[in-house]
Structure formats: C-alpha cells, structure tokens
Amino acid sequence: MHYIISVAGLIIVLLLAWLASNDKKKIKYRPIITMIVIQILLGLILLKTSVGEFLIKGFADSFSKLLEYANEGINFVFGGIANEGAHTFFLFVLMPIVFMSAIIGILQHYKILPFIIRYIGLVLSKVNGMGKLESYNAVAAAIVGQNEVFISVKNQLGLLPKNRLYTLCASAMSTVSMSIVGSYMTMLEPRYVVAALLLNLFGGFIVASIINPYEVKPEEDIVDVQDEEKQTFFEMLGEYIMDGFKVAIVVGVMLVGFVGLIALINGIFSGIFGISFQGILGYVFAPIAFLMGVPWHEAVKAGSIMATKLVANEFVAMLDFVKIQGSLSERTTAIVSVFLISFANFGSIGTIVGAVKGLNEKQGNVVARFGLKLLYGATLVSILSAIIIGIVF
C-alpha cells in the first residue's frame, strides 16, 4: 500500500512543479524521467545493497575520523567549559564546521575540488539536459556552500538572464554544504545524510527543469570559473578557518533566537488553545508527510518537524527530531531525515539574496523578486527526495 501512496505523492509533487512552470511547452520530459529513475536506483543502491552499505560506511567513517580530529582542537580550547561526559551542541556540533572549512580550503587551494566539481558537472549536464554552468553550480554548491558558490561564478553573474539565475539559486537552496555535513551526522544517521545529498542534487535538476525550463545556446554554455585571488597557503587557511567560525557563530545565534521564539509561541498557543504552535503545524503538514510515505499515525509528528524546518531551519528541526526519534518507526525516521537535509527555509531566501547582491546589486534585486518561488521549488525538492526514500525503503 505504501508504494501506491508514495507513487501518488511523486505524481503530485511533479504536478505542483508543473503548475508553477514558467513555460510548460518547453519542459523536456525525457531527462526528467531519466533522473527520477536515477534517483530510485541511487536510493536502492545506497540503502538496500552491500555496495551502498560499504560506500556509506566509508563516507561516514571518514567524517567520523575528521570530527575526532576537530574535537582535538575543540577540547584544547574549550575543554574546561563542558562538563565531563556532556554533549554541548555549540562545541561538538557547530565548532567542527571550523575544521571542515579548513579542509575544504586546502582542497580548493591545491585545485583538487575545482577539478572534481568541473568534471562531475560536465557529466551531469549530459544527463539533465541543462547547461554546463547550471550543472557545475549544483555540484559546487553541495561542496563549497550556499554563498561561496556564487563567488566562483561572479564573472558570469551579471550576464545571466533571469531563468538561468533562478536555476543557480535553486541549486544552492536545495542542497547543503560539505562543511556542515559532519554536524548533521552527529544528529542523523549517516546513510540518510549521504542519500539526501545525492538525491537532492538530481531532485534540484528535476524540479528546476519543470518550474523553469529553457534552452541554453552552445555559445552561452561556458563555465568561466573565477579563480580565487592568489594567496599564500597560510593566508588562505586563516581565511577559511575564520569563514567556518563565522558560519558556526551565525548558526548558533540563529538557534538561540529561533528556539527561544518557538518556545515562546508554543507557550502562547498552549495557554490559549491547549495545543502548541508546532502541534497545529503538525496537523497542517500531516497530509504532506503521509504522501511522502509516513504512516498516518506518525504523520502529525513528522509534519511538525517538517514545518519547523521550513519556518526556522534544519538545525532547529533536527534538535526537535532527535527528541522524538525513538518513538518513530525506522521508515518514518528515514523519510524525515532525508527531508531535513537541505537549506529550504525562509531564512535562506535572505541569505541567497544577500550573497548575490554582494556581488551584483541588480541581480540581487532580481533574485529577491522570485525568492518565494525559490523556496517553493526547493521545498518540492526535499519532498521529492523523501518520497524516493519512501519508495525504496
């Protein structure tokens, strides 16, 4: 029965994307069907085969080892602050971002990541039927981050028409950066984090191909990647370490504000209506959770977590999810976990607008005008990825 529900959910997601399409006549259906099949195959390989188990174990073990190294630095600086045996969120979830950012900086400095990103993007452009720039940008966003990716294509940013700019921004919102992946793995099962990373990559292409179809002429399809200003190794390292620290601080500060506000709103709603704000949102989002493949008796709880991610951010939602995860089935845990792995929330609209505006004022204003449509598309990507997990689980 759950297969029928999940397939129905898949059809509804594609229909919702189709209804929001800028030009329904230009939609290319063959690449979309191909990518959906690829998503299903990836889900099966990652979650249902020994090969997938081996790959995910290797990926998770690598991040686990990196986090251990990160904790060496954290314990050296903050060791006396945390109580013995205590798990302080800021220290052990957010601060490793600093170390991961340094690793990414080193790989960027020695041109390892640009090489990988460029050629993976080239291969993807053959599959998704989109431009090389769009494919490059999607891979780059998943590795270097939501804001940093625009710096790498800043030479072309001012020349891009509105439709191509939308696809670039949609990719950035639909994925997560590699520097934060290790933090997610401290709260969610690594196999679901890895699955979400790959499914969101293709899901972003699928939804953007429907909502925002267009043709790219060969002479326009050039990936002119901006090289970073030449720095010495230690200049670069210091910059990336500080960038990672800024991300950790920003996420931490946002958590203080969002968690506090949600607690306040929950208290007000509970006092007036006898049910928390998140409880109400749970009922609103329950049908969506059900279509994703969550059993109906768990749909309200799952819907509440989904809504929290949308109105706050994925970290706030994960904190709440960890509290109730033990009361949910493995199937629901898998579906909700995959849904949470993206930057699709209201706050990301401002983040992306600010990143583009900092490089090109005019294009930043263009992005601001389609901000809600960006969030709509990115949310559909998260739902689509979760549905794929529901189908293969």
Protein backbone atom coordinates (compact mmCIF):
# COMPACT_ATOMS: atom_id res chain seq x y z
CA MET A 1 0.00 0.00 0.00
CA HIS A 2 2.79 2.43 0.87
CA TYR A 3 4.17 2.06 -2.67
CA ILE A 4 0.88 3.32 -4.10
CA ILE A 5 0.85 6.28 -1.68
CA SER A 6 4.48 7.16 -2.45
CA VAL A 7 3.92 6.99 -6.22
CA ALA A 8 0.82 9.17 -5.80
CA GLY A 9 2.96 11.60 -3.81
CA LEU A 10 5.59 11.62 -6.58
CA ILE A 11 2.94 12.43 -9.19
CA ILE A 12 1.51 15.23 -7.00
CA VAL A 13 4.97 16.80 -6.49
CA LEU A 14 5.61 16.78 -10.24
CA LEU A 15 2.14 18.24 -10.82
CA LEU A 16 2.75 21.03 -8.27
CA ALA A 17 6.01 21.87 -10.04
CA TRP A 18 4.21 21.78 -13.43
CA LEU A 19 1.52 24.19 -12.18
CA ALA A 20 4.22 26.71 -11.22
CA SER A 21 6.10 26.30 -14.54
CA ASN A 22 7.19 29.46 -16.38
CA ASP A 23 6.75 27.80 -19.78
CA LYS A 24 5.04 24.40 -19.84
CA LYS A 25 5.70 23.93 -23.57
CA LYS A 26 9.48 23.93 -23.08
CA ILE A 27 9.58 21.19 -20.44
CA LYS A 28 11.85 18.29 -21.50
CA TYR A 29 10.26 15.14 -20.14
CA ARG A 30 12.89 12.56 -21.14
CA PRO A 31 15.70 13.96 -18.90
CA ILE A 32 13.18 14.29 -16.04
CA ILE A 33 12.12 10.64 -16.30
CA THR A 34 15.78 9.59 -16.60
CA MET A 35 16.71 11.49 -13.44
CA ILE A 36 13.79 10.06 -11.46
CA VAL A 37 14.94 6.57 -12.44
CA ILE A 38 18.49 7.52 -11.38
CA GLN A 39 17.16 8.73 -8.03
CA ILE A 40 15.34 5.46 -7.42
CA LEU A 41 18.42 3.43 -8.41
CA LEU A 42 20.64 5.55 -6.14
CA GLY A 43 18.21 5.06 -3.26
CA LEU A 44 18.18 1.29 -3.79
CA ILE A 45 21.96 1.06 -4.09
CA LEU A 46 22.66 3.21 -1.04
CA LEU A 47 20.06 1.74 1.31
CA LYS A 48 19.48 -1.81 0.04
CA THR A 49 22.79 -3.20 -1.19
CA SER A 50 26.09 -4.23 0.38
CA VAL A 51 27.88 -1.91 -2.07
CA GLY A 52 25.87 1.04 -0.80
CA GLU A 53 26.47 -0.02 2.79
CA PHE A 54 30.21 -0.18 2.11
CA LEU A 55 30.27 3.26 0.43
CA ILE A 56 28.23 4.92 3.16
CA LYS A 57 30.31 3.27 5.89
CA GLY A 58 33.47 4.58 4.23
CA PHE A 59 31.98 8.06 3.89
CA ALA A 60 30.66 8.09 7.47
CA ASP A 61 33.90 6.69 8.92
CA SER A 62 35.89 9.37 7.10
CA PHE A 63 33.72 12.12 8.56
CA SER A 64 33.78 10.47 11.97
CA LYS A 65 37.58 10.48 11.90
CA LEU A 66 37.62 14.11 10.76
CA LEU A 67 35.28 15.02 13.62
CA GLU A 68 37.64 13.29 16.04
CA TYR A 69 40.47 15.47 14.76
CA ALA A 70 38.24 18.54 15.03
CA ASN A 71 37.45 17.61 18.64
CA GLU A 72 41.17 17.65 19.45
CA GLY A 73 41.21 21.38 18.70
CA ILE A 74 37.87 21.95 20.43
CA ASN A 75 38.97 20.17 23.60
CA PHE A 76 42.24 22.10 23.64
CA VAL A 77 40.43 25.46 23.55
CA PHE A 78 37.14 24.70 25.32
CA GLY A 79 37.93 21.54 27.30
CA GLY A 80 37.27 23.12 30.68
CA ILE A 81 33.90 24.59 29.70
CA ALA A 82 31.92 21.39 29.03
CA ASN A 83 31.05 19.10 31.92
CA GLU A 84 32.64 15.66 31.84
CA GLY A 85 30.54 13.43 29.57
CA ALA A 86 28.27 16.29 28.50
CA HIS A 87 27.48 16.91 24.83
CA THR A 88 27.40 20.67 24.25
CA PHE A 89 25.70 21.47 20.95
CA PHE A 90 27.82 24.51 20.11
CA LEU A 91 31.10 22.77 20.87
CA PHE A 92 30.52 19.34 19.38
CA VAL A 93 28.05 20.06 16.55
CA LEU A 94 28.83 23.59 15.39
CA MET A 95 32.52 24.07 16.12
CA PRO A 96 33.64 21.16 13.86
CA ILE A 97 32.43 23.36 10.97
CA VAL A 98 35.61 25.41 11.52
CA PHE A 99 37.84 22.38 10.96
CA MET A 100 35.80 21.15 7.97
CA SER A 101 36.03 24.61 6.41
CA ALA A 102 39.82 24.47 6.74
CA ILE A 103 39.89 21.09 4.95
CA ILE A 104 37.76 22.48 2.11
CA GLY A 105 40.08 25.49 1.87
CA ILE A 106 43.14 23.24 1.48
CA LEU A 107 41.43 21.18 -1.24
CA GLN A 108 40.42 24.40 -3.01
CA HIS A 109 43.91 25.88 -2.72
CA TYR A 110 45.52 22.90 -4.41
CA LYS A 111 42.84 22.88 -7.17
CA ILE A 112 41.54 19.44 -6.19
CA LEU A 113 37.91 20.48 -5.60
CA PRO A 114 37.63 22.71 -8.71
CA PHE A 115 38.84 19.79 -10.84
CA ILE A 116 36.31 17.38 -9.29
CA ILE A 117 33.43 19.87 -9.45
CA ARG A 118 34.07 20.84 -13.06
CA TYR A 119 34.13 17.29 -14.45
CA ILE A 120 31.26 15.96 -12.35
CA GLY A 121 29.27 18.95 -13.58
CA LEU A 122 30.22 18.16 -17.17
CA VAL A 123 28.96 14.57 -16.83
CA LEU A 124 25.74 15.71 -15.14
CA SER A 125 24.99 18.19 -17.94
CA LYS A 126 24.79 15.22 -20.34
CA VAL A 127 22.15 13.60 -18.12
CA ASN A 128 20.00 16.53 -17.02
CA GLY A 129 19.71 18.33 -20.37
CA MET A 130 20.69 21.64 -18.73
CA GLY A 131 23.67 23.93 -19.22
CA LYS A 132 27.21 23.17 -18.05
CA LEU A 133 27.14 26.24 -15.79
CA GLU A 134 23.99 25.03 -14.03
CA SER A 135 25.48 21.56 -13.53
CA TYR A 136 28.79 22.98 -12.28
CA ASN A 137 26.96 25.29 -9.88
CA ALA A 138 24.84 22.48 -8.40
CA VAL A 139 27.90 20.34 -7.61
CA ALA A 140 29.86 23.33 -6.34
CA ALA A 141 27.03 24.42 -4.03
CA ALA A 142 26.96 20.95 -2.47
CA ILE A 143 30.68 21.16 -1.71
CA VAL A 144 31.75 24.75 -1.06
CA GLY A 145 28.46 26.16 0.26
CA GLN A 146 25.39 28.21 -0.47
CA ASN A 147 27.10 31.61 -0.51
CA GLU A 148 30.61 30.75 -1.67
CA VAL A 149 29.36 29.13 -4.88
CA PHE A 150 28.29 32.50 -6.31
CA ILE A 151 31.79 33.89 -5.85
CA SER A 152 33.16 31.16 -8.14
CA VAL A 153 30.86 32.28 -11.00
CA LYS A 154 30.83 36.01 -10.29
CA ASN A 155 32.25 36.86 -13.76
CA GLN A 156 29.09 35.48 -15.36
CA LEU A 157 26.61 36.53 -12.70
CA GLY A 158 25.81 39.92 -14.23
CA LEU A 159 25.32 38.41 -17.69
CA LEU A 160 22.82 35.71 -16.75
CA PRO A 161 19.15 36.04 -17.73
CA LYS A 162 16.51 35.63 -15.03
CA ASN A 163 15.73 31.99 -15.85
CA ARG A 164 19.34 30.79 -15.55
CA LEU A 165 19.84 32.83 -12.39
CA TYR A 166 16.81 31.10 -10.85
CA THR A 167 18.30 27.65 -11.53
CA LEU A 168 21.62 28.62 -9.94
CA CYS A 169 19.90 29.95 -6.81
CA ALA A 170 17.53 26.95 -6.65
CA SER A 171 20.52 24.58 -6.63
CA ALA A 172 22.11 26.49 -3.77
CA MET A 173 18.93 26.31 -1.68
CA SER A 174 18.15 22.67 -2.47
CA THR A 175 21.42 21.26 -1.17
CA VAL A 176 23.77 21.64 1.81
CA SER A 177 27.48 22.38 2.02
CA MET A 178 30.06 19.73 2.79
CA SER A 179 31.40 21.74 5.74
CA ILE A 180 28.11 21.20 7.60
CA VAL A 181 27.58 17.53 6.68
CA GLY A 182 29.68 16.31 9.62
CA SER A 183 27.47 18.30 12.01
CA TYR A 184 24.35 16.67 10.57
CA MET A 185 25.89 13.24 11.09
CA THR A 186 26.11 13.87 14.83
CA MET A 187 22.27 14.05 14.90
CA LEU A 188 21.07 11.91 11.99
CA GLU A 189 22.10 8.51 10.63
CA PRO A 190 24.96 9.00 8.12
CA ARG A 191 23.31 6.79 5.48
CA TYR A 192 20.32 9.14 5.30
CA VAL A 193 22.58 12.19 5.09
CA VAL A 194 24.55 10.67 2.20
CA ALA A 195 21.37 9.58 0.42
CA ALA A 196 19.88 13.06 0.74
CA LEU A 197 22.99 14.73 -0.69
CA LEU A 198 22.80 12.69 -3.90
CA LEU A 199 19.01 12.67 -4.24
CA ASN A 200 18.77 16.44 -3.74
CA LEU A 201 21.34 17.01 -6.47
CA PHE A 202 19.15 15.28 -9.06
CA GLY A 203 15.92 16.47 -7.43
CA GLY A 204 17.05 20.07 -7.88
CA PHE A 205 17.54 19.47 -11.61
CA ILE A 206 14.15 17.74 -11.91
CA VAL A 207 12.13 20.48 -10.19
CA ALA A 208 14.05 23.33 -11.88
CA SER A 209 13.56 21.64 -15.30
CA ILE A 210 9.80 21.72 -14.74
CA ILE A 211 9.36 25.08 -12.98
CA ASN A 212 11.94 26.90 -15.05
CA PRO A 213 12.51 25.24 -18.46
CA TYR A 214 14.69 26.94 -21.06
CA GLU A 215 17.21 26.30 -23.82
CA VAL A 216 20.86 27.26 -23.48
CA LYS A 217 22.63 28.09 -26.74
CA PRO A 218 26.08 26.49 -27.20
CA GLU A 219 27.80 29.90 -27.27
CA GLU A 220 26.19 30.76 -23.92
CA ASP A 221 27.08 27.47 -22.27
CA ILE A 222 30.51 28.40 -20.92
CA VAL A 223 31.73 27.75 -17.40
CA ASP A 224 34.08 30.64 -16.62
CA VAL A 225 35.03 29.87 -13.05
CA GLN A 226 36.53 32.75 -11.12
CA ASP A 227 39.88 31.84 -9.64
CA GLU A 228 40.36 32.94 -6.08
CA GLU A 229 42.81 35.77 -5.51
CA LYS A 230 46.28 34.27 -5.26
CA GLN A 231 47.11 33.82 -1.59
CA THR A 232 49.81 32.09 0.32
CA PHE A 233 48.83 28.80 1.95
CA PHE A 234 48.57 30.31 5.42
CA GLU A 235 46.62 33.36 4.25
CA MET A 236 44.09 31.02 2.63
CA LEU A 237 43.98 28.75 5.69
CA GLY A 238 43.35 31.64 8.05
CA GLU A 239 40.56 32.95 5.81
CA TYR A 240 38.77 29.60 5.57
CA ILE A 241 39.10 28.99 9.32
CA MET A 242 37.55 32.39 10.03
CA ASP A 243 34.80 31.74 7.47
CA GLY A 244 33.99 28.44 9.18
CA PHE A 245 33.90 30.17 12.56
CA LYS A 246 31.52 32.82 11.21
CA VAL A 247 29.18 30.09 9.91
CA ALA A 248 29.24 28.34 13.31
CA ILE A 249 28.53 31.60 15.14
CA VAL A 250 25.72 32.61 12.75
CA VAL A 251 24.04 29.19 13.05
CA GLY A 252 24.44 29.26 16.82
CA VAL A 253 22.98 32.75 17.17
CA MET A 254 20.06 31.86 14.89
CA LEU A 255 19.38 28.78 17.02
CA VAL A 256 19.28 30.89 20.18
CA GLY A 257 16.72 33.19 18.55
CA PHE A 258 14.61 30.59 16.75
CA VAL A 259 14.47 28.02 19.56
CA GLY A 260 13.56 30.74 22.04
CA LEU A 261 10.86 32.24 19.79
CA ILE A 262 9.34 28.86 19.00
CA ALA A 263 9.24 28.04 22.73
CA LEU A 264 7.51 31.41 23.36
CA ILE A 265 4.98 30.88 20.56
CA ASN A 266 4.34 27.29 21.71
CA GLY A 267 3.71 28.59 25.23
CA ILE A 268 1.24 31.22 24.00
CA PHE A 269 -0.66 28.76 21.80
CA SER A 270 -0.72 26.11 24.54
CA GLY A 271 -2.10 28.63 27.01
CA ILE A 272 -4.81 29.91 24.67
CA PHE A 273 -5.72 26.88 22.54
CA GLY A 274 -4.42 23.97 24.60
CA ILE A 275 -2.13 22.88 21.74
CA SER A 276 1.33 24.12 20.76
CA PHE A 277 2.05 26.05 17.58
CA GLN A 278 4.18 23.15 16.35
CA GLY A 279 1.29 20.81 17.13
CA ILE A 280 -1.01 22.86 14.88
CA LEU A 281 1.60 22.92 12.12
CA GLY A 282 1.91 19.16 12.51
CA TYR A 283 -1.74 18.74 11.53
CA VAL A 284 -1.29 21.15 8.60
CA PHE A 285 1.73 19.25 7.24
CA ALA A 286 0.47 15.76 8.12
CA PRO A 287 -1.08 15.11 4.66
CA ILE A 288 2.26 16.00 3.00
CA ALA A 289 4.11 13.66 5.36
CA PHE A 290 1.58 10.93 4.54
CA LEU A 291 2.13 11.39 0.79
CA MET A 292 5.88 11.13 1.41
CA GLY A 293 5.26 7.64 2.77
CA VAL A 294 4.98 8.30 6.52
CA PRO A 295 2.34 6.07 8.18
CA TRP A 296 -0.73 8.13 9.10
CA HIS A 297 -0.41 7.51 12.85
CA GLU A 298 3.03 9.19 12.73
CA ALA A 299 2.19 11.87 10.17
CA VAL A 300 1.37 14.64 12.68
CA LYS A 301 4.70 14.26 14.49
CA ALA A 302 6.58 14.14 11.19
CA GLY A 303 4.62 17.12 9.87
CA SER A 304 5.55 19.16 12.92
CA ILE A 305 9.27 18.55 12.30
CA MET A 306 8.88 19.39 8.61
CA ALA A 307 7.10 22.65 9.41
CA THR A 308 9.76 23.60 11.95
CA LYS A 309 12.45 23.18 9.30
CA LEU A 310 10.55 25.39 6.87
CA VAL A 311 9.78 28.27 9.27
CA ALA A 312 13.06 28.10 11.24
CA ASN A 313 15.91 25.99 9.81
CA GLU A 314 17.12 22.41 9.59
CA PHE A 315 19.19 22.58 12.79
CA VAL A 316 16.18 23.64 14.90
CA ALA A 317 14.13 20.85 13.30
CA MET A 318 16.88 18.28 13.90
CA LEU A 319 17.09 19.21 17.58
CA ASP A 320 13.34 18.57 17.91
CA PHE A 321 13.57 15.44 15.77
CA VAL A 322 16.25 13.89 17.99
CA LYS A 323 13.89 14.22 20.96
CA ILE A 324 11.08 12.20 19.33
CA GLN A 325 13.08 9.93 17.01
CA GLY A 326 12.88 6.98 19.40
CA SER A 327 9.06 6.99 19.19
CA LEU A 328 9.02 6.81 15.37
CA SER A 329 9.37 3.82 13.06
CA GLU A 330 12.57 3.33 11.07
CA ARG A 331 10.68 4.13 7.88
CA THR A 332 9.46 7.50 9.20
CA THR A 333 12.93 8.25 10.57
CA ALA A 334 14.46 7.66 7.13
CA ILE A 335 11.89 9.80 5.29
CA VAL A 336 12.01 12.75 7.70
CA SER A 337 15.81 12.63 7.95
CA VAL A 338 16.18 12.96 4.19
CA PHE A 339 13.61 15.78 4.11
CA LEU A 340 15.63 17.76 6.65
CA ILE A 341 18.89 17.75 4.63
CA SER A 342 18.61 20.99 2.66
CA PHE A 343 18.67 24.77 3.12
CA ALA A 344 15.00 25.10 2.08
CA ASN A 345 13.66 27.56 4.67
CA PHE A 346 12.54 31.19 4.78
CA GLY A 347 15.88 32.35 6.18
CA SER A 348 17.73 31.02 3.14
CA ILE A 349 15.90 33.47 0.88
CA GLY A 350 17.63 36.36 2.65
CA THR A 351 20.96 34.51 2.68
CA ILE A 352 20.94 33.89 -1.08
CA VAL A 353 19.68 37.38 -1.93
CA GLY A 354 22.43 38.84 0.23
CA ALA A 355 25.13 36.67 -1.35
CA VAL A 356 24.12 37.62 -4.92
CA LYS A 357 23.55 41.26 -4.03
CA GLY A 358 27.02 41.50 -2.54
CA LEU A 359 28.43 40.56 -5.96
CA ASN A 360 25.90 42.24 -8.25
CA GLU A 361 23.28 44.68 -6.92
CA LYS A 362 20.96 44.40 -9.94
CA GLN A 363 20.93 40.58 -9.98
CA GLY A 364 20.40 40.53 -6.22
CA ASN A 365 17.18 42.51 -6.72
CA VAL A 366 16.10 40.03 -9.41
CA VAL A 367 16.64 37.12 -7.00
CA ALA A 368 14.65 38.94 -4.29
CA ARG A 369 11.63 39.12 -6.61
CA PHE A 370 11.47 35.34 -7.13
CA GLY A 371 12.52 34.47 -3.55
CA LEU A 372 9.26 32.74 -2.60
CA LYS A 373 9.28 30.73 -5.81
CA LEU A 374 12.81 29.61 -4.94
CA LEU A 375 11.61 28.35 -1.57
CA TYR A 376 8.62 26.65 -3.21
CA GLY A 377 10.87 24.78 -5.63
CA ALA A 378 13.48 23.85 -3.00
CA THR A 379 10.76 22.52 -0.68
CA LEU A 380 9.42 20.36 -3.53
CA VAL A 381 12.96 19.00 -3.96
CA SER A 382 13.08 18.00 -0.27
CA ILE A 383 9.66 16.34 -0.56
CA LEU A 384 10.68 14.56 -3.77
CA SER A 385 13.86 13.15 -2.17
CA ALA A 386 11.87 11.98 0.85
CA ILE A 387 9.30 10.30 -1.43
CA ILE A 388 12.09 8.43 -3.26
CA ILE A 389 13.29 7.12 0.11
CA GLY A 390 9.69 6.13 0.89
CA ILE A 391 9.53 4.16 -2.37
CA VAL A 392 12.81 2.25 -1.91
CA PHE A 393 12.78 1.79 1.87
